[in-house]
Amino acid sequence: MHEINFESIFNYYQRMVFDHIIAEYGESELANRPGALEDVACLALNQLPPRYVRHGLDTTFYISKEERQEMLNAVEAAVERAAEFVFKNPREIESGEVPRGELK
């Protein structure tokens, strides 16, 4: 049996979400709050369907321009909703309190 490498598997949306967050919020007020952008990433990714791949570059060649644009639009919308939620519901770092509310 050959060596199995599960570490090569990842959610294709992760890189798209991370890149969008850095581009849109990397210099924002949220970037100055410890953990806020990571919270945005988690909330955004939870809104998107998982799309697991082994080779991100290869995947780019298998999806159409239209499908890629739909994915980018979905990422943008998910990140915007998540960022708005995190901005309006800051985490209390000292107490560890996690905000409760509905992500709309």
PDB file of N, CA and C in Angstrom:
ATOM      1  N   MET A   1       0.840  -1.172   0.000  1.00  0.00           N
ATOM      2  CA  MET A   1       0.000   0.000   0.000  1.00  0.00           C
ATOM      3  C   MET A   1       0.895   1.248   0.000  1.00  0.00           C
ATOM      4  N   HIS A   2       0.516   2.212  -0.800  1.00  0.00           N
ATOM      5  CA  HIS A   2       1.296   3.452  -0.874  1.00  0.00           C
ATOM      6  C   HIS A   2       0.928   4.391   0.279  1.00  0.00           C
ATOM      7  N   GLU A   3       1.756   5.398   0.492  1.00  0.00           N
ATOM      8  CA  GLU A   3       1.514   6.360   1.565  1.00  0.00           C
ATOM      9  C   GLU A   3       0.309   7.246   1.225  1.00  0.00           C
ATOM     10  N   ILE A   4      -0.560   7.416   2.185  1.00  0.00           N
ATOM     11  CA  ILE A   4      -1.750   8.243   2.006  1.00  0.00           C
ATOM     12  C   ILE A   4      -1.484   9.603   2.640  1.00  0.00           C
ATOM     13  N   ASN A   5      -1.784  10.678   1.899  1.00  0.00           N
ATOM     14  CA  ASN A   5      -1.543  12.026   2.383  1.00  0.00           C
ATOM     15  C   ASN A   5      -2.837  12.823   2.382  1.00  0.00           C
ATOM     16  N   PHE A   6      -3.566  12.765   3.485  1.00  0.00           N
ATOM     17  CA  PHE A   6      -4.815  13.510   3.590  1.00  0.00           C
ATOM     18  C   PHE A   6      -4.576  15.011   3.752  1.00  0.00           C
ATOM     19  N   GLU A   7      -3.357  15.413   4.090  1.00  0.00           N
ATOM     20  CA  GLU A   7      -3.043  16.825   4.243  1.00  0.00           C
ATOM     21  C   GLU A   7      -3.090  17.575   2.922  1.00  0.00           C
ATOM     22  N   SER A   8      -3.121  16.850   1.818  1.00  0.00           N
ATOM     23  CA  SER A   8      -3.188  17.499   0.510  1.00  0.00           C
ATOM     24  C   SER A   8      -4.623  17.879   0.141  1.00  0.00           C
ATOM     25  N   ILE A   9      -5.576  17.517   0.983  1.00  0.00           N
ATOM     26  CA  ILE A   9      -6.987  17.804   0.709  1.00  0.00           C
ATOM     27  C   ILE A   9      -7.383  19.085   1.448  1.00  0.00           C
ATOM     28  N   PHE A  10      -8.060  19.992   0.753  1.00  0.00           N
ATOM     29  CA  PHE A  10      -8.503  21.232   1.387  1.00  0.00           C
ATOM     30  C   PHE A  10      -9.782  21.730   0.732  1.00  0.00           C
ATOM     31  N   ASN A  11     -10.439  22.631   1.426  1.00  0.00           N
ATOM     32  CA  ASN A  11     -11.671  23.236   0.929  1.00  0.00           C
ATOM     33  C   ASN A  11     -11.273  24.378  -0.014  1.00  0.00           C
ATOM     34  N   TYR A  12     -11.654  24.291  -1.259  1.00  0.00           N
ATOM     35  CA  TYR A  12     -11.301  25.275  -2.275  1.00  0.00           C
ATOM     36  C   TYR A  12     -11.767  26.679  -1.892  1.00  0.00           C
ATOM     37  N   TYR A  13     -12.885  26.765  -1.190  1.00  0.00           N
ATOM     38  CA  TYR A  13     -13.409  28.066  -0.783  1.00  0.00           C
ATOM     39  C   TYR A  13     -12.513  28.768   0.242  1.00  0.00           C
ATOM     40  N   GLN A  14     -11.722  28.011   0.997  1.00  0.00           N
ATOM     41  CA  GLN A  14     -10.888  28.631   2.024  1.00  0.00           C
ATOM     42  C   GLN A  14      -9.989  29.714   1.450  1.00  0.00           C
ATOM     43  N   ARG A  15      -9.244  29.402   0.435  1.00  0.00           N
ATOM     44  CA  ARG A  15      -8.308  30.377  -0.134  1.00  0.00           C
ATOM     45  C   ARG A  15      -9.070  31.568  -0.687  1.00  0.00           C
ATOM     46  N   MET A  16     -10.208  31.323  -1.324  1.00  0.00           N
ATOM     47  CA  MET A  16     -10.994  32.421  -1.883  1.00  0.00           C
ATOM     48  C   MET A  16     -11.479  33.351  -0.766  1.00  0.00           C
ATOM     49  N   VAL A  17     -11.955  32.770   0.330  1.00  0.00           N
ATOM     50  CA  VAL A  17     -12.445  33.568   1.464  1.00  0.00           C
ATOM     51  C   VAL A  17     -11.289  34.339   2.097  1.00  0.00           C
ATOM     52  N   PHE A  18     -10.183  33.676   2.356  1.00  0.00           N
ATOM     53  CA  PHE A  18      -9.034  34.344   2.980  1.00  0.00           C
ATOM     54  C   PHE A  18      -8.556  35.506   2.116  1.00  0.00           C
ATOM     55  N   ASP A  19      -8.426  35.273   0.817  1.00  0.00           N
ATOM     56  CA  ASP A  19      -7.962  36.325  -0.090  1.00  0.00           C
ATOM     57  C   ASP A  19      -8.916  37.513  -0.097  1.00  0.00           C
ATOM     58  N   HIS A  20     -10.215  37.242  -0.113  1.00  0.00           N
ATOM     59  CA  HIS A  20     -11.200  38.328  -0.119  1.00  0.00           C
ATOM     60  C   HIS A  20     -11.155  39.123   1.190  1.00  0.00           C
ATOM     61  N   ILE A  21     -11.016  38.442   2.294  1.00  0.00           N
ATOM     62  CA  ILE A  21     -10.939  39.121   3.592  1.00  0.00           C
ATOM     63  C   ILE A  21      -9.707  40.022   3.647  1.00  0.00           C
ATOM     64  N   ILE A  22      -8.586  39.525   3.226  1.00  0.00           N
ATOM     65  CA  ILE A  22      -7.360  40.332   3.250  1.00  0.00           C
ATOM     66  C   ILE A  22      -7.495  41.543   2.343  1.00  0.00           C
ATOM     67  N   ALA A  23      -8.052  41.339   1.144  1.00  0.00           N
ATOM     68  CA  ALA A  23      -8.202  42.437   0.191  1.00  0.00           C
ATOM     69  C   ALA A  23      -9.169  43.499   0.692  1.00  0.00           C
ATOM     70  N   GLU A  24     -10.278  43.085   1.286  1.00  0.00           N
ATOM     71  CA  GLU A  24     -11.328  44.025   1.682  1.00  0.00           C
ATOM     72  C   GLU A  24     -11.197  44.544   3.110  1.00  0.00           C
ATOM     73  N   TYR A  25     -10.619  43.749   4.005  1.00  0.00           N
ATOM     74  CA  TYR A  25     -10.622  44.111   5.419  1.00  0.00           C
ATOM     75  C   TYR A  25      -9.238  44.119   6.069  1.00  0.00           C
ATOM     76  N   GLY A  26      -8.211  43.847   5.312  1.00  0.00           N
ATOM     77  CA  GLY A  26      -6.854  43.772   5.865  1.00  0.00           C
ATOM     78  C   GLY A  26      -6.372  45.051   6.515  1.00  0.00           C
ATOM     79  N   GLU A  27      -6.903  46.180   6.093  1.00  0.00           N
ATOM     80  CA  GLU A  27      -6.517  47.476   6.663  1.00  0.00           C
ATOM     81  C   GLU A  27      -7.698  48.145   7.368  1.00  0.00           C
ATOM     82  N   SER A  28      -8.709  47.395   7.706  1.00  0.00           N
ATOM     83  CA  SER A  28      -9.920  47.964   8.295  1.00  0.00           C
ATOM     84  C   SER A  28      -9.861  47.963   9.822  1.00  0.00           C
ATOM     85  N   GLU A  29     -10.888  48.547  10.417  1.00  0.00           N
ATOM     86  CA  GLU A  29     -11.020  48.531  11.874  1.00  0.00           C
ATOM     87  C   GLU A  29     -11.081  47.097  12.399  1.00  0.00           C
ATOM     88  N   LEU A  30     -11.717  46.214  11.644  1.00  0.00           N
ATOM     89  CA  LEU A  30     -11.806  44.813  12.078  1.00  0.00           C
ATOM     90  C   LEU A  30     -10.429  44.173  12.194  1.00  0.00           C
ATOM     91  N   ALA A  31      -9.500  44.572  11.337  1.00  0.00           N
ATOM     92  CA  ALA A  31      -8.151  43.996  11.366  1.00  0.00           C
ATOM     93  C   ALA A  31      -7.432  44.340  12.668  1.00  0.00           C
ATOM     94  N   ASN A  32      -7.878  45.400  13.339  1.00  0.00           N
ATOM     95  CA  ASN A  32      -7.262  45.808  14.599  1.00  0.00           C
ATOM     96  C   ASN A  32      -7.859  45.103  15.816  1.00  0.00           C
ATOM     97  N   ARG A  33      -8.927  44.359  15.617  1.00  0.00           N
ATOM     98  CA  ARG A  33      -9.533  43.602  16.716  1.00  0.00           C
ATOM     99  C   ARG A  33      -8.958  42.185  16.701  1.00  0.00           C
ATOM    100  N   PRO A  34      -8.314  41.757  17.769  1.00  0.00           N
ATOM    101  CA  PRO A  34      -7.734  40.409  17.788  1.00  0.00           C
ATOM    102  C   PRO A  34      -8.792  39.333  17.500  1.00  0.00           C
ATOM    103  N   GLY A  35      -8.525  38.506  16.517  1.00  0.00           N
ATOM    104  CA  GLY A  35      -9.395  37.380  16.189  1.00  0.00           C
ATOM    105  C   GLY A  35     -10.589  37.715  15.319  1.00  0.00           C
ATOM    106  N   ALA A  36     -10.839  38.991  15.051  1.00  0.00           N
ATOM    107  CA  ALA A  36     -12.052  39.362  14.310  1.00  0.00           C
ATOM    108  C   ALA A  36     -12.042  38.822  12.882  1.00  0.00           C
ATOM    109  N   LEU A  37     -10.931  38.954  12.182  1.00  0.00           N
ATOM    110  CA  LEU A  37     -10.914  38.482  10.790  1.00  0.00           C
ATOM    111  C   LEU A  37     -10.972  36.961  10.716  1.00  0.00           C
ATOM    112  N   GLU A  38     -10.433  36.307  11.718  1.00  0.00           N
ATOM    113  CA  GLU A  38     -10.550  34.848  11.770  1.00  0.00           C
ATOM    114  C   GLU A  38     -12.005  34.451  11.999  1.00  0.00           C
ATOM    115  N   ASP A  39     -12.704  35.222  12.843  1.00  0.00           N
ATOM    116  CA  ASP A  39     -14.132  34.969  13.056  1.00  0.00           C
ATOM    117  C   ASP A  39     -14.919  35.196  11.768  1.00  0.00           C
ATOM    118  N   VAL A  40     -14.568  36.251  11.044  1.00  0.00           N
ATOM    119  CA  VAL A  40     -15.221  36.521   9.759  1.00  0.00           C
ATOM    120  C   VAL A  40     -15.016  35.330   8.821  1.00  0.00           C
ATOM    121  N   ALA A  41     -13.793  34.812   8.767  1.00  0.00           N
ATOM    122  CA  ALA A  41     -13.500  33.675   7.891  1.00  0.00           C
ATOM    123  C   ALA A  41     -14.349  32.467   8.260  1.00  0.00           C
ATOM    124  N   CYS A  42     -14.437  32.153   9.547  1.00  0.00           N
ATOM    125  CA  CYS A  42     -15.227  30.997   9.977  1.00  0.00           C
ATOM    126  C   CYS A  42     -16.703  31.173   9.631  1.00  0.00           C
ATOM    127  N   LEU A  43     -17.245  32.342   9.942  1.00  0.00           N
ATOM    128  CA  LEU A  43     -18.655  32.593   9.653  1.00  0.00           C
ATOM    129  C   LEU A  43     -18.933  32.548   8.158  1.00  0.00           C
ATOM    130  N   ALA A  44     -18.048  33.113   7.372  1.00  0.00           N
ATOM    131  CA  ALA A  44     -18.231  33.101   5.914  1.00  0.00           C
ATOM    132  C   ALA A  44     -18.158  31.677   5.370  1.00  0.00           C
ATOM    133  N   LEU A  45     -17.163  30.918   5.797  1.00  0.00           N
ATOM    134  CA  LEU A  45     -17.017  29.546   5.295  1.00  0.00           C
ATOM    135  C   LEU A  45     -18.203  28.670   5.684  1.00  0.00           C
ATOM    136  N   ASN A  46     -18.791  28.928   6.838  1.00  0.00           N
ATOM    137  CA  ASN A  46     -19.955  28.150   7.252  1.00  0.00           C
ATOM    138  C   ASN A  46     -21.188  28.445   6.406  1.00  0.00           C
ATOM    139  N   GLN A  47     -21.180  29.533   5.674  1.00  0.00           N
ATOM    140  CA  GLN A  47     -22.296  29.874   4.786  1.00  0.00           C
ATOM    141  C   GLN A  47     -22.145  29.250   3.397  1.00  0.00           C
ATOM    142  N   LEU A  48     -20.955  28.788   3.084  1.00  0.00           N
ATOM    143  CA  LEU A  48     -20.661  28.276   1.741  1.00  0.00           C
ATOM    144  C   LEU A  48     -20.639  26.751   1.735  1.00  0.00           C
ATOM    145  N   PRO A  49     -20.991  26.161   0.599  1.00  0.00           N
ATOM    146  CA  PRO A  49     -20.916  24.698   0.533  1.00  0.00           C
ATOM    147  C   PRO A  49     -19.450  24.262   0.488  1.00  0.00           C
ATOM    148  N   PRO A  50     -19.113  23.157   1.131  1.00  0.00           N
ATOM    149  CA  PRO A  50     -17.729  22.695   1.040  1.00  0.00           C
ATOM    150  C   PRO A  50     -17.419  22.232  -0.378  1.00  0.00           C
ATOM    151  N   ARG A  51     -16.205  22.471  -0.790  1.00  0.00           N
ATOM    152  CA  ARG A  51     -15.763  22.009  -2.109  1.00  0.00           C
ATOM    153  C   ARG A  51     -14.319  21.549  -1.941  1.00  0.00           C
ATOM    154  N   TYR A  52     -14.187  20.294  -1.593  1.00  0.00           N
ATOM    155  CA  TYR A  52     -12.875  19.755  -1.294  1.00  0.00           C
ATOM    156  C   TYR A  52     -12.148  19.330  -2.562  1.00  0.00           C
ATOM    157  N   VAL A  53     -10.866  19.672  -2.584  1.00  0.00           N
ATOM    158  CA  VAL A  53     -10.008  19.358  -3.721  1.00  0.00           C
ATOM    159  C   VAL A  53      -8.641  18.941  -3.203  1.00  0.00           C
ATOM    160  N   ARG A  54      -7.848  18.413  -4.106  1.00  0.00           N
ATOM    161  CA  ARG A  54      -6.463  18.082  -3.758  1.00  0.00           C
ATOM    162  C   ARG A  54      -5.486  19.068  -4.358  1.00  0.00           C
ATOM    163  N   HIS A  55      -5.805  19.585  -5.507  1.00  0.00           N
ATOM    164  CA  HIS A  55      -4.899  20.503  -6.195  1.00  0.00           C
ATOM    165  C   HIS A  55      -5.682  21.710  -6.671  1.00  0.00           C
ATOM    166  N   GLY A  56      -5.524  22.818  -5.974  1.00  0.00           N
ATOM    167  CA  GLY A  56      -6.269  24.022  -6.293  1.00  0.00           C
ATOM    168  C   GLY A  56      -6.050  24.518  -7.699  1.00  0.00           C
ATOM    169  N   LEU A  57      -4.838  24.482  -8.173  1.00  0.00           N
ATOM    170  CA  LEU A  57      -4.546  24.956  -9.521  1.00  0.00           C
ATOM    171  C   LEU A  57      -5.252  24.096 -10.560  1.00  0.00           C
ATOM    172  N   ASP A  58      -5.260  22.795 -10.359  1.00  0.00           N
ATOM    173  CA  ASP A  58      -5.953  21.903 -11.288  1.00  0.00           C
ATOM    174  C   ASP A  58      -7.446  22.192 -11.314  1.00  0.00           C
ATOM    175  N   THR A  59      -8.011  22.493 -10.154  1.00  0.00           N
ATOM    176  CA  THR A  59      -9.441  22.760 -10.066  1.00  0.00           C
ATOM    177  C   THR A  59      -9.821  23.969 -10.897  1.00  0.00           C
ATOM    178  N   THR A  60      -8.964  24.965 -10.928  1.00  0.00           N
ATOM    179  CA  THR A  60      -9.222  26.173 -11.705  1.00  0.00           C
ATOM    180  C   THR A  60      -9.480  25.835 -13.168  1.00  0.00           C
ATOM    181  N   PHE A  61      -8.814  24.832 -13.680  1.00  0.00           N
ATOM    182  CA  PHE A  61      -8.983  24.455 -15.079  1.00  0.00           C
ATOM    183  C   PHE A  61     -10.262  23.659 -15.333  1.00  0.00           C
ATOM    184  N   TYR A  62     -10.837  23.085 -14.280  1.00  0.00           N
ATOM    185  CA  TYR A  62     -12.021  22.245 -14.441  1.00  0.00           C
ATOM    186  C   TYR A  62     -13.338  22.979 -14.270  1.00  0.00           C
ATOM    187  N   ILE A  63     -13.287  24.208 -13.780  1.00  0.00           N
ATOM    188  CA  ILE A  63     -14.526  24.952 -13.620  1.00  0.00           C
ATOM    189  C   ILE A  63     -14.613  26.034 -14.692  1.00  0.00           C
ATOM    190  N   SER A  64     -15.824  26.308 -15.115  1.00  0.00           N
ATOM    191  CA  SER A  64     -16.028  27.316 -16.157  1.00  0.00           C
ATOM    192  C   SER A  64     -15.852  28.713 -15.573  1.00  0.00           C
ATOM    193  N   LYS A  65     -15.698  29.693 -16.434  1.00  0.00           N
ATOM    194  CA  LYS A  65     -15.596  31.083 -15.996  1.00  0.00           C
ATOM    195  C   LYS A  65     -16.864  31.494 -15.259  1.00  0.00           C
ATOM    196  N   GLU A  66     -18.000  31.026 -15.753  1.00  0.00           N
ATOM    197  CA  GLU A  66     -19.275  31.365 -15.118  1.00  0.00           C
ATOM    198  C   GLU A  66     -19.361  30.785 -13.717  1.00  0.00           C
ATOM    199  N   GLU A  67     -18.951  29.523 -13.572  1.00  0.00           N
ATOM    200  CA  GLU A  67     -18.993  28.884 -12.257  1.00  0.00           C
ATOM    201  C   GLU A  67     -18.028  29.574 -11.296  1.00  0.00           C
ATOM    202  N   ARG A  68     -16.857  29.922 -11.774  1.00  0.00           N
ATOM    203  CA  ARG A  68     -15.881  30.629 -10.928  1.00  0.00           C
ATOM    204  C   ARG A  68     -16.452  31.979 -10.487  1.00  0.00           C
ATOM    205  N   GLN A  69     -17.113  32.693 -11.397  1.00  0.00           N
ATOM    206  CA  GLN A  69     -17.700  33.980 -11.050  1.00  0.00           C
ATOM    207  C   GLN A  69     -18.811  33.812 -10.016  1.00  0.00           C
ATOM    208  N   GLU A  70     -19.614  32.769 -10.168  1.00  0.00           N
ATOM    209  CA  GLU A  70     -20.659  32.486  -9.177  1.00  0.00           C
ATOM    210  C   GLU A  70     -20.038  32.213  -7.805  1.00  0.00           C
ATOM    211  N   MET A  71     -18.929  31.486  -7.791  1.00  0.00           N
ATOM    212  CA  MET A  71     -18.241  31.196  -6.539  1.00  0.00           C
ATOM    213  C   MET A  71     -17.702  32.484  -5.912  1.00  0.00           C
ATOM    214  N   LEU A  72     -17.110  33.332  -6.741  1.00  0.00           N
ATOM    215  CA  LEU A  72     -16.586  34.609  -6.241  1.00  0.00           C
ATOM    216  C   LEU A  72     -17.701  35.483  -5.682  1.00  0.00           C
ATOM    217  N   ASN A  73     -18.844  35.512  -6.368  1.00  0.00           N
ATOM    218  CA  ASN A  73     -19.990  36.283  -5.887  1.00  0.00           C
ATOM    219  C   ASN A  73     -20.489  35.739  -4.547  1.00  0.00           C
ATOM    220  N   ALA A  74     -20.540  34.421  -4.428  1.00  0.00           N
ATOM    221  CA  ALA A  74     -20.986  33.798  -3.181  1.00  0.00           C
ATOM    222  C   ALA A  74     -20.007  34.108  -2.043  1.00  0.00           C
ATOM    223  N   VAL A  75     -18.722  34.071  -2.343  1.00  0.00           N
ATOM    224  CA  VAL A  75     -17.702  34.390  -1.341  1.00  0.00           C
ATOM    225  C   VAL A  75     -17.853  35.836  -0.888  1.00  0.00           C
ATOM    226  N   GLU A  76     -17.998  36.744  -1.837  1.00  0.00           N
ATOM    227  CA  GLU A  76     -18.144  38.156  -1.501  1.00  0.00           C
ATOM    228  C   GLU A  76     -19.356  38.386  -0.594  1.00  0.00           C
ATOM    229  N   ALA A  77     -20.478  37.803  -0.943  1.00  0.00           N
ATOM    230  CA  ALA A  77     -21.693  37.970  -0.146  1.00  0.00           C
ATOM    231  C   ALA A  77     -21.525  37.363   1.247  1.00  0.00           C
ATOM    232  N   ALA A  78     -20.948  36.180   1.337  1.00  0.00           N
ATOM    233  CA  ALA A  78     -20.762  35.512   2.626  1.00  0.00           C
ATOM    234  C   ALA A  78     -19.819  36.309   3.520  1.00  0.00           C
ATOM    235  N   VAL A  79     -18.739  36.816   2.956  1.00  0.00           N
ATOM    236  CA  VAL A  79     -17.779  37.597   3.738  1.00  0.00           C
ATOM    237  C   VAL A  79     -18.413  38.899   4.207  1.00  0.00           C
ATOM    238  N   GLU A  80     -19.173  39.543   3.342  1.00  0.00           N
ATOM    239  CA  GLU A  80     -19.817  40.807   3.721  1.00  0.00           C
ATOM    240  C   GLU A  80     -20.794  40.590   4.883  1.00  0.00           C
ATOM    241  N   ARG A  81     -21.604  39.526   4.818  1.00  0.00           N
ATOM    242  CA  ARG A  81     -22.539  39.227   5.906  1.00  0.00           C
ATOM    243  C   ARG A  81     -21.776  38.930   7.200  1.00  0.00           C
ATOM    244  N   ALA A  82     -20.723  38.136   7.075  1.00  0.00           N
ATOM    245  CA  ALA A  82     -19.937  37.758   8.249  1.00  0.00           C
ATOM    246  C   ALA A  82     -19.248  38.975   8.861  1.00  0.00           C
ATOM    247  N   ALA A  83     -18.673  39.823   8.032  1.00  0.00           N
ATOM    248  CA  ALA A  83     -17.978  41.011   8.539  1.00  0.00           C
ATOM    249  C   ALA A  83     -18.947  41.953   9.240  1.00  0.00           C
ATOM    250  N   GLU A  84     -20.120  42.111   8.683  1.00  0.00           N
ATOM    251  CA  GLU A  84     -21.125  42.971   9.300  1.00  0.00           C
ATOM    252  C   GLU A  84     -21.518  42.425  10.677  1.00  0.00           C
ATOM    253  N   PHE A  85     -21.711  41.109  10.755  1.00  0.00           N
ATOM    254  CA  PHE A  85     -22.073  40.481  12.020  1.00  0.00           C
ATOM    255  C   PHE A  85     -20.974  40.681  13.059  1.00  0.00           C
ATOM    256  N   VAL A  86     -19.721  40.411  12.667  1.00  0.00           N
ATOM    257  CA  VAL A  86     -18.603  40.532  13.611  1.00  0.00           C
ATOM    258  C   VAL A  86     -18.424  41.987  14.035  1.00  0.00           C
ATOM    259  N   PHE A  87     -18.588  42.911  13.104  1.00  0.00           N
ATOM    260  CA  PHE A  87     -18.451  44.332  13.425  1.00  0.00           C
ATOM    261  C   PHE A  87     -19.510  44.761  14.443  1.00  0.00           C
ATOM    262  N   LYS A  88     -20.749  44.313  14.243  1.00  0.00           N
ATOM    263  CA  LYS A  88     -21.844  44.709  15.126  1.00  0.00           C
ATOM    264  C   LYS A  88     -21.880  43.934  16.442  1.00  0.00           C
ATOM    265  N   ASN A  89     -21.197  42.795  16.474  1.00  0.00           N
ATOM    266  CA  ASN A  89     -21.219  41.920  17.656  1.00  0.00           C
ATOM    267  C   ASN A  89     -19.790  41.559  18.066  1.00  0.00           C
ATOM    268  N   PRO A  90     -19.051  42.535  18.597  1.00  0.00           N
ATOM    269  CA  PRO A  90     -17.648  42.234  18.932  1.00  0.00           C
ATOM    270  C   PRO A  90     -17.535  41.185  20.030  1.00  0.00           C
ATOM    271  N   ARG A  91     -16.543  40.376  19.883  1.00  0.00           N
ATOM    272  CA  ARG A  91     -16.243  39.348  20.891  1.00  0.00           C
ATOM    273  C   ARG A  91     -15.591  40.033  22.077  1.00  0.00           C
ATOM    274  N   GLU A  92     -15.965  39.622  23.250  1.00  0.00           N
ATOM    275  CA  GLU A  92     -15.337  40.141  24.461  1.00  0.00           C
ATOM    276  C   GLU A  92     -14.129  39.264  24.755  1.00  0.00           C
ATOM    277  N   ILE A  93     -12.954  39.706  24.323  1.00  0.00           N
ATOM    278  CA  ILE A  93     -11.734  38.911  24.430  1.00  0.00           C
ATOM    279  C   ILE A  93     -11.414  38.559  25.894  1.00  0.00           C
ATOM    280  N   GLU A  94     -11.524  39.533  26.783  1.00  0.00           N
ATOM    281  CA  GLU A  94     -11.159  39.288  28.174  1.00  0.00           C
ATOM    282  C   GLU A  94     -12.020  38.206  28.816  1.00  0.00           C
ATOM    283  N   SER A  95     -13.312  38.257  28.578  1.00  0.00           N
ATOM    284  CA  SER A  95     -14.213  37.308  29.222  1.00  0.00           C
ATOM    285  C   SER A  95     -14.386  36.029  28.416  1.00  0.00           C
ATOM    286  N   GLY A  96     -13.988  36.058  27.145  1.00  0.00           N
ATOM    287  CA  GLY A  96     -14.195  34.904  26.287  1.00  0.00           C
ATOM    288  C   GLY A  96     -15.614  34.791  25.784  1.00  0.00           C
ATOM    289  N   GLU A  97     -16.431  35.814  26.073  1.00  0.00           N
ATOM    290  CA  GLU A  97     -17.835  35.788  25.666  1.00  0.00           C
ATOM    291  C   GLU A  97     -17.953  35.805  24.147  1.00  0.00           C
ATOM    292  N   VAL A  98     -18.723  34.891  23.642  1.00  0.00           N
ATOM    293  CA  VAL A  98     -18.972  34.813  22.205  1.00  0.00           C
ATOM    294  C   VAL A  98     -20.314  35.461  21.931  1.00  0.00           C
ATOM    295  N   PRO A  99     -20.375  36.370  20.957  1.00  0.00           N
ATOM    296  CA  PRO A  99     -21.651  37.035  20.690  1.00  0.00           C
ATOM    297  C   PRO A  99     -22.698  36.049  20.196  1.00  0.00           C
ATOM    298  N   ARG A 100     -23.930  36.299  20.581  1.00  0.00           N
ATOM    299  CA  ARG A 100     -25.057  35.494  20.125  1.00  0.00           C
ATOM    300  C   ARG A 100     -25.876  36.350  19.182  1.00  0.00           C
ATOM    301  N   GLY A 101     -26.391  35.757  18.191  1.00  0.00           N
ATOM    302  CA  GLY A 101     -27.207  36.491  17.242  1.00  0.00           C
ATOM    303  C   GLY A 101     -27.375  35.693  15.974  1.00  0.00           C
ATOM    304  N   GLU A 102     -28.081  36.259  15.072  1.00  0.00           N
ATOM    305  CA  GLU A 102     -28.345  35.569  13.819  1.00  0.00           C
ATOM    306  C   GLU A 102     -27.592  36.253  12.697  1.00  0.00           C
ATOM    307  N   LEU A 103     -26.893  35.474  11.925  1.00  0.00           N
ATOM    308  CA  LEU A 103     -26.164  35.964  10.767  1.00  0.00           C
ATOM    309  C   LEU A 103     -27.143  36.064   9.607  1.00  0.00           C
ATOM    310  N   LYS A 104     -27.386  37.263   9.138  1.00  0.00           N
ATOM    311  CA  LYS A 104     -28.375  37.457   8.078  1.00  0.00           C
ATOM    312  C   LYS A 104     -27.698  37.754   6.773  1.00  0.00           C
TER     313      LYS A 104
END
